[in-house]
Amino acid sequence: MKTLELLQNRRSRYQLDRKISLSHQELLDLIDEVTAQVPDAFNMQSQRLLVVTGENQDALWNRVFEVFEGKVPREKVDSFRAGYGTILYFYDQEVTEEMAGKFTTYADKFPHWAAQSLAMLQFSLWVALREAGIGASLQHYNPVIDHAVKQMFDLPETWVLDAQMPFGLASDTPSPKQLQDIRQRVFQR
């Protein structure tokens, strides 16, 4: 597909199931390759991903529901849990602090640049998954779930959770995308 078609086909998909068009290994290979190719300021490589599937997928979303003490509708959480998996996106604060120590002129920028790189990675994986026939959405239950996620998966305290991307075979049809007049967003002189 051409770039614009790929961008247009990337949409939030909420009704997911465990079937996907790739084998588990093909999925992991795709995630690895996209992660390796996404640019990162100073090549700091601070992104950290945890791909959660199977029983861990169920446990993750059950824990999200518990942490929110029922304030998030069960049906919504269940729609994410029903997917094949979830990609948890982090950046490693240890890396950004190390880079800040090496490049003091830019010290305060490294967390921002790490977030930029994570955003590019999230979007790139979303598009790559969609191209492979897999639906996804980007969720932000952090920081409420941060401690629970780190505890569940025994993750380092230096990992900063940024987003969650449940994915699977999508059975819903996205409604038409509402676009603001592009001249309100893109200017030229």
N, C-alpha and C. Protein backbone atom coordinates (compact mmCIF):
# COMPACT_ATOMS: atom_id res chain seq x y z
N MET A 1 0.84 -1.20 0.00
CA MET A 1 0.00 0.00 0.00
C MET A 1 0.87 1.24 0.00
N LYS A 2 0.32 2.30 -0.51
CA LYS A 2 1.02 3.57 -0.47
C LYS A 2 0.84 4.20 0.92
N THR A 3 1.74 5.11 1.24
CA THR A 3 1.77 5.72 2.56
C THR A 3 0.42 6.31 2.96
N LEU A 4 -0.20 7.10 2.11
CA LEU A 4 -1.48 7.72 2.49
C LEU A 4 -2.57 6.69 2.72
N GLU A 5 -2.58 5.63 1.94
CA GLU A 5 -3.57 4.56 2.16
C GLU A 5 -3.35 3.90 3.51
N LEU A 6 -2.09 3.66 3.85
CA LEU A 6 -1.78 3.07 5.15
C LEU A 6 -2.26 3.97 6.28
N LEU A 7 -2.02 5.27 6.15
CA LEU A 7 -2.44 6.22 7.19
C LEU A 7 -3.97 6.27 7.29
N GLN A 8 -4.63 6.25 6.15
CA GLN A 8 -6.10 6.32 6.15
C GLN A 8 -6.72 5.05 6.73
N ASN A 9 -6.07 3.92 6.56
CA ASN A 9 -6.61 2.65 7.06
C ASN A 9 -6.34 2.43 8.55
N ARG A 10 -5.42 3.19 9.13
CA ARG A 10 -5.14 3.08 10.55
C ARG A 10 -6.26 3.78 11.32
N ARG A 11 -7.04 3.01 12.01
CA ARG A 11 -8.15 3.56 12.80
C ARG A 11 -8.22 2.82 14.12
N SER A 12 -8.78 3.46 15.12
CA SER A 12 -8.99 2.81 16.41
C SER A 12 -10.04 1.72 16.24
N ARG A 13 -9.67 0.52 16.72
CA ARG A 13 -10.59 -0.62 16.66
C ARG A 13 -10.75 -1.15 18.08
N TYR A 14 -12.00 -1.29 18.51
CA TYR A 14 -12.27 -1.61 19.90
C TYR A 14 -12.84 -3.01 20.12
N GLN A 15 -13.50 -3.57 19.14
CA GLN A 15 -14.06 -4.91 19.29
C GLN A 15 -13.07 -5.90 18.69
N LEU A 16 -12.35 -6.58 19.56
CA LEU A 16 -11.24 -7.44 19.13
C LEU A 16 -11.48 -8.88 19.55
N ASP A 17 -10.85 -9.80 18.81
CA ASP A 17 -10.82 -11.18 19.28
C ASP A 17 -9.42 -11.76 19.09
N ARG A 18 -9.25 -12.99 19.49
CA ARG A 18 -7.93 -13.60 19.59
C ARG A 18 -7.35 -14.08 18.25
N LYS A 19 -8.10 -13.97 17.20
CA LYS A 19 -7.57 -14.42 15.91
C LYS A 19 -6.74 -13.30 15.29
N ILE A 20 -5.60 -13.64 14.73
CA ILE A 20 -4.83 -12.68 13.96
C ILE A 20 -4.30 -13.36 12.71
N SER A 21 -3.92 -12.56 11.74
CA SER A 21 -3.48 -13.06 10.44
C SER A 21 -2.04 -13.54 10.42
N LEU A 22 -1.31 -13.33 11.49
CA LEU A 22 0.09 -13.72 11.58
C LEU A 22 0.26 -14.84 12.61
N SER A 23 1.32 -15.62 12.44
CA SER A 23 1.67 -16.55 13.51
C SER A 23 2.23 -15.71 14.66
N HIS A 24 2.33 -16.32 15.83
CA HIS A 24 2.87 -15.59 16.98
C HIS A 24 4.29 -15.11 16.68
N GLN A 25 5.10 -15.97 16.07
CA GLN A 25 6.48 -15.59 15.76
C GLN A 25 6.52 -14.47 14.71
N GLU A 26 5.66 -14.52 13.71
CA GLU A 26 5.61 -13.45 12.71
C GLU A 26 5.24 -12.12 13.36
N LEU A 27 4.31 -12.17 14.31
CA LEU A 27 3.92 -10.97 15.06
C LEU A 27 5.12 -10.40 15.80
N LEU A 28 5.83 -11.25 16.53
CA LEU A 28 6.99 -10.78 17.29
C LEU A 28 8.08 -10.25 16.37
N ASP A 29 8.29 -10.91 15.24
CA ASP A 29 9.29 -10.43 14.27
C ASP A 29 8.91 -9.06 13.73
N LEU A 30 7.62 -8.85 13.44
CA LEU A 30 7.16 -7.55 12.96
C LEU A 30 7.40 -6.47 14.01
N ILE A 31 7.06 -6.76 15.25
CA ILE A 31 7.27 -5.80 16.34
C ILE A 31 8.75 -5.48 16.50
N ASP A 32 9.59 -6.51 16.45
CA ASP A 32 11.04 -6.30 16.56
C ASP A 32 11.55 -5.40 15.44
N GLU A 33 11.16 -5.69 14.21
CA GLU A 33 11.69 -4.94 13.06
C GLU A 33 11.22 -3.49 13.08
N VAL A 34 9.96 -3.26 13.37
CA VAL A 34 9.46 -1.88 13.44
C VAL A 34 10.19 -1.13 14.55
N THR A 35 10.34 -1.76 15.70
CA THR A 35 11.04 -1.12 16.83
C THR A 35 12.47 -0.77 16.45
N ALA A 36 13.14 -1.66 15.75
CA ALA A 36 14.53 -1.41 15.35
C ALA A 36 14.64 -0.25 14.36
N GLN A 37 13.61 -0.02 13.56
CA GLN A 37 13.70 0.98 12.49
C GLN A 37 13.22 2.38 12.89
N VAL A 38 12.50 2.50 13.97
CA VAL A 38 11.96 3.81 14.36
C VAL A 38 13.09 4.70 14.87
N PRO A 39 13.14 5.94 14.38
CA PRO A 39 14.22 6.85 14.81
C PRO A 39 14.10 7.24 16.28
N ASP A 40 15.24 7.65 16.82
CA ASP A 40 15.31 8.02 18.23
C ASP A 40 16.41 9.08 18.37
N ALA A 41 16.12 10.16 19.05
CA ALA A 41 17.10 11.24 19.23
C ALA A 41 18.38 10.69 19.84
N PHE A 42 19.50 11.09 19.29
CA PHE A 42 20.83 10.66 19.76
C PHE A 42 20.98 9.14 19.74
N ASN A 43 20.08 8.47 19.02
CA ASN A 43 20.07 7.00 18.97
C ASN A 43 20.10 6.40 20.38
N MET A 44 19.36 7.04 21.30
CA MET A 44 19.42 6.59 22.70
C MET A 44 18.72 5.26 22.94
N GLN A 45 17.79 4.87 22.07
CA GLN A 45 17.12 3.59 22.16
C GLN A 45 16.54 3.34 23.56
N SER A 46 15.73 4.28 23.98
CA SER A 46 15.14 4.21 25.32
C SER A 46 13.79 3.50 25.35
N GLN A 47 13.24 3.16 24.17
CA GLN A 47 11.93 2.52 24.15
C GLN A 47 12.03 1.11 24.72
N ARG A 48 11.00 0.74 25.45
CA ARG A 48 10.88 -0.62 25.97
C ARG A 48 9.44 -1.07 25.70
N LEU A 49 9.29 -2.24 25.13
CA LEU A 49 7.97 -2.79 24.86
C LEU A 49 7.81 -4.11 25.58
N LEU A 50 6.61 -4.34 26.07
CA LEU A 50 6.26 -5.63 26.63
C LEU A 50 5.04 -6.10 25.85
N VAL A 51 5.16 -7.23 25.16
CA VAL A 51 4.07 -7.81 24.39
C VAL A 51 3.41 -8.85 25.27
N VAL A 52 2.15 -8.60 25.62
CA VAL A 52 1.40 -9.44 26.55
C VAL A 52 0.35 -10.22 25.76
N THR A 53 0.35 -11.55 25.89
CA THR A 53 -0.63 -12.38 25.19
C THR A 53 -1.12 -13.49 26.12
N GLY A 54 -2.10 -14.25 25.63
CA GLY A 54 -2.59 -15.43 26.35
C GLY A 54 -3.14 -15.11 27.73
N GLU A 55 -2.77 -15.93 28.71
CA GLU A 55 -3.25 -15.74 30.08
C GLU A 55 -2.84 -14.39 30.65
N ASN A 56 -1.67 -13.92 30.25
CA ASN A 56 -1.22 -12.60 30.73
C ASN A 56 -2.09 -11.48 30.18
N GLN A 57 -2.62 -11.66 28.98
CA GLN A 57 -3.55 -10.68 28.40
C GLN A 57 -4.79 -10.56 29.28
N ASP A 58 -5.35 -11.72 29.64
CA ASP A 58 -6.53 -11.72 30.53
C ASP A 58 -6.20 -11.08 31.87
N ALA A 59 -5.07 -11.48 32.46
CA ALA A 59 -4.68 -10.97 33.77
C ALA A 59 -4.46 -9.46 33.74
N LEU A 60 -3.84 -8.97 32.67
CA LEU A 60 -3.58 -7.53 32.56
C LEU A 60 -4.88 -6.74 32.61
N TRP A 61 -5.82 -7.09 31.74
CA TRP A 61 -7.05 -6.29 31.67
C TRP A 61 -7.96 -6.51 32.88
N ASN A 62 -7.91 -7.69 33.47
CA ASN A 62 -8.63 -7.88 34.73
C ASN A 62 -8.05 -6.98 35.81
N ARG A 63 -6.74 -6.86 35.82
CA ARG A 63 -6.07 -6.00 36.82
C ARG A 63 -6.38 -4.53 36.57
N VAL A 64 -6.43 -4.13 35.31
CA VAL A 64 -6.81 -2.74 34.98
C VAL A 64 -8.19 -2.45 35.56
N PHE A 65 -9.13 -3.35 35.35
CA PHE A 65 -10.48 -3.16 35.88
C PHE A 65 -10.45 -3.05 37.40
N GLU A 66 -9.69 -3.91 38.06
CA GLU A 66 -9.59 -3.89 39.53
C GLU A 66 -9.00 -2.58 40.02
N VAL A 67 -7.92 -2.13 39.38
CA VAL A 67 -7.25 -0.91 39.82
C VAL A 67 -8.19 0.29 39.74
N PHE A 68 -9.03 0.31 38.71
CA PHE A 68 -9.97 1.41 38.55
C PHE A 68 -11.24 1.23 39.39
N GLU A 69 -11.30 0.16 40.14
CA GLU A 69 -12.41 -0.10 41.08
C GLU A 69 -13.77 0.09 40.44
N GLY A 70 -13.92 -0.42 39.21
CA GLY A 70 -15.20 -0.36 38.52
C GLY A 70 -15.53 0.97 37.88
N LYS A 71 -14.64 1.95 37.93
CA LYS A 71 -14.92 3.27 37.35
C LYS A 71 -14.80 3.26 35.82
N VAL A 72 -14.19 2.23 35.27
CA VAL A 72 -14.13 2.03 33.82
C VAL A 72 -15.13 0.92 33.52
N PRO A 73 -16.03 1.12 32.55
CA PRO A 73 -17.04 0.08 32.27
C PRO A 73 -16.41 -1.27 31.95
N ARG A 74 -16.97 -2.31 32.55
CA ARG A 74 -16.48 -3.67 32.34
C ARG A 74 -16.48 -4.04 30.86
N GLU A 75 -17.51 -3.62 30.13
CA GLU A 75 -17.61 -3.95 28.70
C GLU A 75 -16.43 -3.40 27.92
N LYS A 76 -15.99 -2.20 28.28
CA LYS A 76 -14.86 -1.59 27.58
C LYS A 76 -13.59 -2.38 27.85
N VAL A 77 -13.34 -2.68 29.11
CA VAL A 77 -12.15 -3.44 29.48
C VAL A 77 -12.20 -4.83 28.84
N ASP A 78 -13.37 -5.44 28.85
CA ASP A 78 -13.50 -6.77 28.25
C ASP A 78 -13.23 -6.76 26.76
N SER A 79 -13.57 -5.66 26.08
CA SER A 79 -13.31 -5.59 24.64
C SER A 79 -11.80 -5.59 24.37
N PHE A 80 -11.02 -5.00 25.24
CA PHE A 80 -9.56 -5.02 25.09
C PHE A 80 -9.00 -6.39 25.48
N ARG A 81 -9.52 -6.95 26.57
CA ARG A 81 -9.06 -8.26 27.03
C ARG A 81 -9.33 -9.34 25.99
N ALA A 82 -10.37 -9.18 25.20
CA ALA A 82 -10.76 -10.18 24.19
C ALA A 82 -9.77 -10.26 23.03
N GLY A 83 -8.88 -9.28 22.91
CA GLY A 83 -7.91 -9.26 21.82
C GLY A 83 -6.82 -10.31 21.96
N TYR A 84 -6.05 -10.45 20.92
CA TYR A 84 -4.94 -11.41 20.92
C TYR A 84 -3.88 -11.00 21.94
N GLY A 85 -3.65 -9.70 22.05
CA GLY A 85 -2.62 -9.23 22.97
C GLY A 85 -2.66 -7.75 23.17
N THR A 86 -1.70 -7.27 23.94
CA THR A 86 -1.54 -5.84 24.20
C THR A 86 -0.05 -5.54 24.19
N ILE A 87 0.30 -4.46 23.52
CA ILE A 87 1.68 -3.96 23.58
C ILE A 87 1.70 -2.86 24.63
N LEU A 88 2.54 -3.02 25.63
CA LEU A 88 2.74 -1.99 26.65
C LEU A 88 3.98 -1.20 26.25
N TYR A 89 3.84 0.11 26.15
CA TYR A 89 4.92 0.99 25.71
C TYR A 89 5.51 1.74 26.90
N PHE A 90 6.82 1.67 27.02
CA PHE A 90 7.55 2.34 28.09
C PHE A 90 8.75 3.07 27.49
N TYR A 91 9.29 4.02 28.25
CA TYR A 91 10.67 4.44 28.00
C TYR A 91 11.43 4.23 29.29
N ASP A 92 12.73 4.01 29.15
CA ASP A 92 13.57 3.71 30.31
C ASP A 92 14.22 4.99 30.81
N GLN A 93 13.81 5.43 31.98
CA GLN A 93 14.32 6.66 32.60
C GLN A 93 15.82 6.57 32.87
N GLU A 94 16.32 5.39 33.10
CA GLU A 94 17.75 5.22 33.32
C GLU A 94 18.53 5.66 32.08
N VAL A 95 18.00 5.34 30.90
CA VAL A 95 18.65 5.74 29.65
C VAL A 95 18.60 7.25 29.47
N THR A 96 17.45 7.86 29.71
CA THR A 96 17.35 9.32 29.52
C THR A 96 18.24 10.06 30.51
N GLU A 97 18.34 9.55 31.73
CA GLU A 97 19.21 10.19 32.72
C GLU A 97 20.68 10.02 32.35
N GLU A 98 21.04 8.88 31.82
CA GLU A 98 22.42 8.66 31.37
C GLU A 98 22.76 9.61 30.22
N MET A 99 21.83 9.77 29.29
CA MET A 99 22.06 10.68 28.16
C MET A 99 22.14 12.13 28.64
N ALA A 100 21.33 12.49 29.62
CA ALA A 100 21.37 13.84 30.18
C ALA A 100 22.73 14.13 30.81
N GLY A 101 23.31 13.12 31.43
CA GLY A 101 24.64 13.28 32.03
C GLY A 101 25.74 13.44 30.99
N LYS A 102 25.58 12.79 29.86
CA LYS A 102 26.58 12.87 28.78
C LYS A 102 26.46 14.15 27.97
N PHE A 103 25.24 14.63 27.80
CA PHE A 103 24.97 15.80 26.95
C PHE A 103 24.20 16.83 27.77
N THR A 104 24.91 17.49 28.68
CA THR A 104 24.27 18.37 29.66
C THR A 104 23.53 19.55 29.04
N THR A 105 23.97 20.00 27.87
CA THR A 105 23.27 21.11 27.20
C THR A 105 21.82 20.76 26.92
N TYR A 106 21.56 19.50 26.67
CA TYR A 106 20.22 19.03 26.30
C TYR A 106 19.55 18.23 27.42
N ALA A 107 20.11 18.27 28.60
CA ALA A 107 19.68 17.38 29.70
C ALA A 107 18.17 17.34 29.89
N ASP A 108 17.51 18.48 29.88
CA ASP A 108 16.08 18.51 30.15
C ASP A 108 15.23 18.02 28.98
N LYS A 109 15.84 17.83 27.83
CA LYS A 109 15.10 17.44 26.63
C LYS A 109 14.97 15.92 26.45
N PHE A 110 15.81 15.13 27.08
CA PHE A 110 15.81 13.70 26.81
C PHE A 110 14.49 12.99 27.13
N PRO A 111 13.82 13.31 28.24
CA PRO A 111 12.50 12.67 28.44
C PRO A 111 11.50 13.05 27.34
N HIS A 112 11.54 14.29 26.91
CA HIS A 112 10.65 14.74 25.82
C HIS A 112 10.98 13.99 24.53
N TRP A 113 12.26 13.87 24.22
CA TRP A 113 12.66 13.17 23.00
C TRP A 113 12.34 11.68 23.09
N ALA A 114 12.44 11.10 24.28
CA ALA A 114 12.05 9.70 24.46
C ALA A 114 10.56 9.53 24.18
N ALA A 115 9.76 10.48 24.65
CA ALA A 115 8.31 10.44 24.39
C ALA A 115 8.02 10.58 22.90
N GLN A 116 8.76 11.44 22.22
CA GLN A 116 8.58 11.58 20.76
C GLN A 116 8.85 10.25 20.06
N SER A 117 9.94 9.61 20.44
CA SER A 117 10.30 8.34 19.82
C SER A 117 9.24 7.28 20.10
N LEU A 118 8.73 7.25 21.32
CA LEU A 118 7.67 6.30 21.64
C LEU A 118 6.43 6.56 20.80
N ALA A 119 6.10 7.83 20.60
CA ALA A 119 4.93 8.17 19.78
C ALA A 119 5.13 7.68 18.34
N MET A 120 6.32 7.88 17.81
CA MET A 120 6.59 7.38 16.46
C MET A 120 6.50 5.86 16.41
N LEU A 121 6.99 5.20 17.44
CA LEU A 121 6.94 3.74 17.49
C LEU A 121 5.49 3.26 17.60
N GLN A 122 4.71 3.89 18.45
CA GLN A 122 3.30 3.52 18.59
C GLN A 122 2.58 3.64 17.25
N PHE A 123 2.77 4.76 16.60
CA PHE A 123 2.08 4.98 15.33
C PHE A 123 2.58 4.01 14.26
N SER A 124 3.88 3.80 14.20
CA SER A 124 4.45 2.90 13.20
C SER A 124 3.94 1.47 13.40
N LEU A 125 3.90 1.02 14.65
CA LEU A 125 3.38 -0.32 14.90
C LEU A 125 1.89 -0.42 14.61
N TRP A 126 1.15 0.62 14.92
CA TRP A 126 -0.28 0.64 14.64
C TRP A 126 -0.53 0.47 13.14
N VAL A 127 0.23 1.22 12.34
CA VAL A 127 0.10 1.13 10.88
C VAL A 127 0.56 -0.25 10.40
N ALA A 128 1.65 -0.76 10.94
CA ALA A 128 2.16 -2.07 10.51
C ALA A 128 1.18 -3.18 10.88
N LEU A 129 0.59 -3.11 12.06
CA LEU A 129 -0.41 -4.09 12.45
C LEU A 129 -1.61 -4.03 11.51
N ARG A 130 -2.06 -2.83 11.22
CA ARG A 130 -3.21 -2.66 10.32
C ARG A 130 -2.91 -3.23 8.94
N GLU A 131 -1.71 -2.98 8.45
CA GLU A 131 -1.32 -3.50 7.14
C GLU A 131 -1.35 -5.03 7.15
N ALA A 132 -1.09 -5.63 8.31
CA ALA A 132 -1.12 -7.08 8.45
C ALA A 132 -2.53 -7.60 8.74
N GLY A 133 -3.53 -6.71 8.70
CA GLY A 133 -4.91 -7.12 8.93
C GLY A 133 -5.30 -7.22 10.39
N ILE A 134 -4.54 -6.58 11.25
CA ILE A 134 -4.78 -6.62 12.70
C ILE A 134 -5.27 -5.26 13.17
N GLY A 135 -6.36 -5.26 13.92
CA GLY A 135 -6.90 -4.02 14.47
C GLY A 135 -6.28 -3.70 15.81
N ALA A 136 -6.25 -2.42 16.16
CA ALA A 136 -5.67 -1.98 17.43
C ALA A 136 -6.25 -0.63 17.82
N SER A 137 -5.98 -0.24 19.04
CA SER A 137 -6.27 1.12 19.50
C SER A 137 -5.19 1.48 20.51
N LEU A 138 -5.07 2.74 20.78
CA LEU A 138 -4.07 3.21 21.75
C LEU A 138 -4.81 3.69 22.98
N GLN A 139 -4.48 3.11 24.12
CA GLN A 139 -5.15 3.41 25.38
C GLN A 139 -4.17 4.05 26.36
N HIS A 140 -4.74 4.81 27.29
CA HIS A 140 -3.92 5.52 28.28
C HIS A 140 -4.53 5.36 29.67
N TYR A 141 -4.32 4.22 30.26
CA TYR A 141 -4.78 3.97 31.62
C TYR A 141 -3.70 4.28 32.65
N ASN A 142 -2.56 4.69 32.16
CA ASN A 142 -1.48 5.14 33.02
C ASN A 142 -1.74 6.60 33.39
N PRO A 143 -1.31 7.09 34.50
CA PRO A 143 -0.43 6.48 35.49
C PRO A 143 -1.15 5.62 36.53
N VAL A 144 -2.47 5.52 36.44
CA VAL A 144 -3.23 4.80 37.46
C VAL A 144 -2.77 3.34 37.57
N ILE A 145 -2.43 2.72 36.45
CA ILE A 145 -2.07 1.30 36.46
C ILE A 145 -0.57 1.04 36.56
N ASP A 146 0.24 2.07 36.59
CA ASP A 146 1.70 1.90 36.52
C ASP A 146 2.25 0.91 37.53
N HIS A 147 1.92 1.11 38.79
CA HIS A 147 2.47 0.25 39.84
C HIS A 147 2.00 -1.19 39.64
N ALA A 148 0.73 -1.38 39.34
CA ALA A 148 0.18 -2.73 39.16
C ALA A 148 0.87 -3.45 38.01
N VAL A 149 1.10 -2.75 36.91
CA VAL A 149 1.75 -3.36 35.74
C VAL A 149 3.18 -3.75 36.07
N LYS A 150 3.91 -2.85 36.71
CA LYS A 150 5.30 -3.16 37.06
C LYS A 150 5.36 -4.35 38.01
N GLN A 151 4.43 -4.41 38.93
CA GLN A 151 4.40 -5.51 39.89
C GLN A 151 4.01 -6.82 39.20
N MET A 152 3.01 -6.79 38.33
CA MET A 152 2.55 -8.01 37.64
C MET A 152 3.65 -8.67 36.83
N PHE A 153 4.43 -7.83 36.14
CA PHE A 153 5.40 -8.35 35.19
C PHE A 153 6.84 -8.19 35.66
N ASP A 154 7.02 -7.80 36.93
CA ASP A 154 8.34 -7.67 37.52
C ASP A 154 9.25 -6.78 36.66
N LEU A 155 8.79 -5.58 36.41
CA LEU A 155 9.51 -4.64 35.55
C LEU A 155 10.32 -3.65 36.37
N PRO A 156 11.40 -3.14 35.80
CA PRO A 156 12.23 -2.16 36.52
C PRO A 156 11.46 -0.88 36.85
N GLU A 157 11.77 -0.30 37.98
CA GLU A 157 11.14 0.96 38.39
C GLU A 157 11.47 2.10 37.43
N THR A 158 12.57 1.98 36.70
CA THR A 158 12.98 3.06 35.79
C THR A 158 12.17 3.09 34.50
N TRP A 159 11.35 2.07 34.26
CA TRP A 159 10.51 2.05 33.06
C TRP A 159 9.27 2.92 33.31
N VAL A 160 9.04 3.87 32.41
CA VAL A 160 7.90 4.78 32.51
C VAL A 160 6.85 4.35 31.49
N LEU A 161 5.69 3.92 31.99
CA LEU A 161 4.60 3.46 31.12
C LEU A 161 3.99 4.65 30.40
N ASP A 162 3.85 4.51 29.08
CA ASP A 162 3.32 5.61 28.27
C ASP A 162 1.94 5.28 27.68
N ALA A 163 1.72 4.05 27.24
CA ALA A 163 0.46 3.71 26.60
C ALA A 163 0.30 2.20 26.51
N GLN A 164 -0.93 1.79 26.21
CA GLN A 164 -1.26 0.39 26.03
C GLN A 164 -1.95 0.26 24.67
N MET A 165 -1.57 -0.77 23.90
CA MET A 165 -2.16 -0.99 22.58
C MET A 165 -2.73 -2.40 22.49
N PRO A 166 -4.03 -2.56 22.86
CA PRO A 166 -4.65 -3.87 22.65
C PRO A 166 -4.84 -4.10 21.15
N PHE A 167 -4.66 -5.36 20.72
CA PHE A 167 -4.78 -5.66 19.30
C PHE A 167 -5.35 -7.05 19.09
N GLY A 168 -5.93 -7.26 17.92
CA GLY A 168 -6.50 -8.55 17.54
C GLY A 168 -7.29 -8.38 16.26
N LEU A 169 -8.04 -9.40 15.91
CA LEU A 169 -8.92 -9.30 14.76
C LEU A 169 -10.07 -8.37 15.12
N ALA A 170 -10.25 -7.32 14.35
CA ALA A 170 -11.29 -6.33 14.66
C ALA A 170 -12.61 -6.73 14.00
N SER A 171 -13.67 -6.69 14.79
CA SER A 171 -14.99 -7.01 14.26
C SER A 171 -15.89 -5.79 14.16
N ASP A 172 -15.40 -4.64 14.59
CA ASP A 172 -16.20 -3.42 14.51
C ASP A 172 -15.82 -2.63 13.26
N THR A 173 -16.69 -1.71 12.90
CA THR A 173 -16.43 -0.81 11.78
C THR A 173 -16.29 0.59 12.35
N PRO A 174 -15.15 1.22 12.12
CA PRO A 174 -15.00 2.57 12.68
C PRO A 174 -15.96 3.55 12.02
N SER A 175 -16.46 4.48 12.81
CA SER A 175 -17.32 5.52 12.24
C SER A 175 -16.45 6.49 11.45
N PRO A 176 -17.05 7.24 10.55
CA PRO A 176 -16.25 8.17 9.75
C PRO A 176 -15.44 9.12 10.64
N LYS A 177 -14.23 9.35 10.22
CA LYS A 177 -13.33 10.21 10.99
C LYS A 177 -13.76 11.67 10.81
N GLN A 178 -13.92 12.36 11.92
CA GLN A 178 -14.30 13.77 11.89
C GLN A 178 -13.04 14.61 11.76
N LEU A 179 -12.94 15.32 10.67
CA LEU A 179 -11.74 16.13 10.42
C LEU A 179 -12.07 17.61 10.48
N GLN A 180 -11.25 18.33 11.20
CA GLN A 180 -11.33 19.78 11.26
C GLN A 180 -10.83 20.33 9.93
N ASP A 181 -11.26 21.51 9.56
CA ASP A 181 -10.75 22.16 8.36
C ASP A 181 -9.23 22.20 8.45
N ILE A 182 -8.57 21.61 7.49
CA ILE A 182 -7.11 21.47 7.54
C ILE A 182 -6.40 22.82 7.59
N ARG A 183 -7.02 23.87 7.07
CA ARG A 183 -6.41 25.20 7.13
C ARG A 183 -6.37 25.76 8.55
N GLN A 184 -7.08 25.14 9.46
CA GLN A 184 -6.99 25.52 10.87
C GLN A 184 -5.78 24.85 11.55
N ARG A 185 -5.15 23.92 10.82
CA ARG A 185 -4.04 23.16 11.40
C ARG A 185 -2.74 23.30 10.61
N VAL A 186 -2.83 23.48 9.33
CA VAL A 186 -1.64 23.60 8.49
C VAL A 186 -1.62 24.98 7.84
N PHE A 187 -0.54 25.70 8.04
CA PHE A 187 -0.42 27.07 7.54
C PHE A 187 0.78 27.16 6.60
N GLN A 188 0.73 28.13 5.73
CA GLN A 188 1.89 28.38 4.86
C GLN A 188 2.10 29.87 4.74
N ARG A 189 3.28 30.26 4.47
CA ARG A 189 3.64 31.67 4.28
C ARG A 189 4.44 31.80 3.03
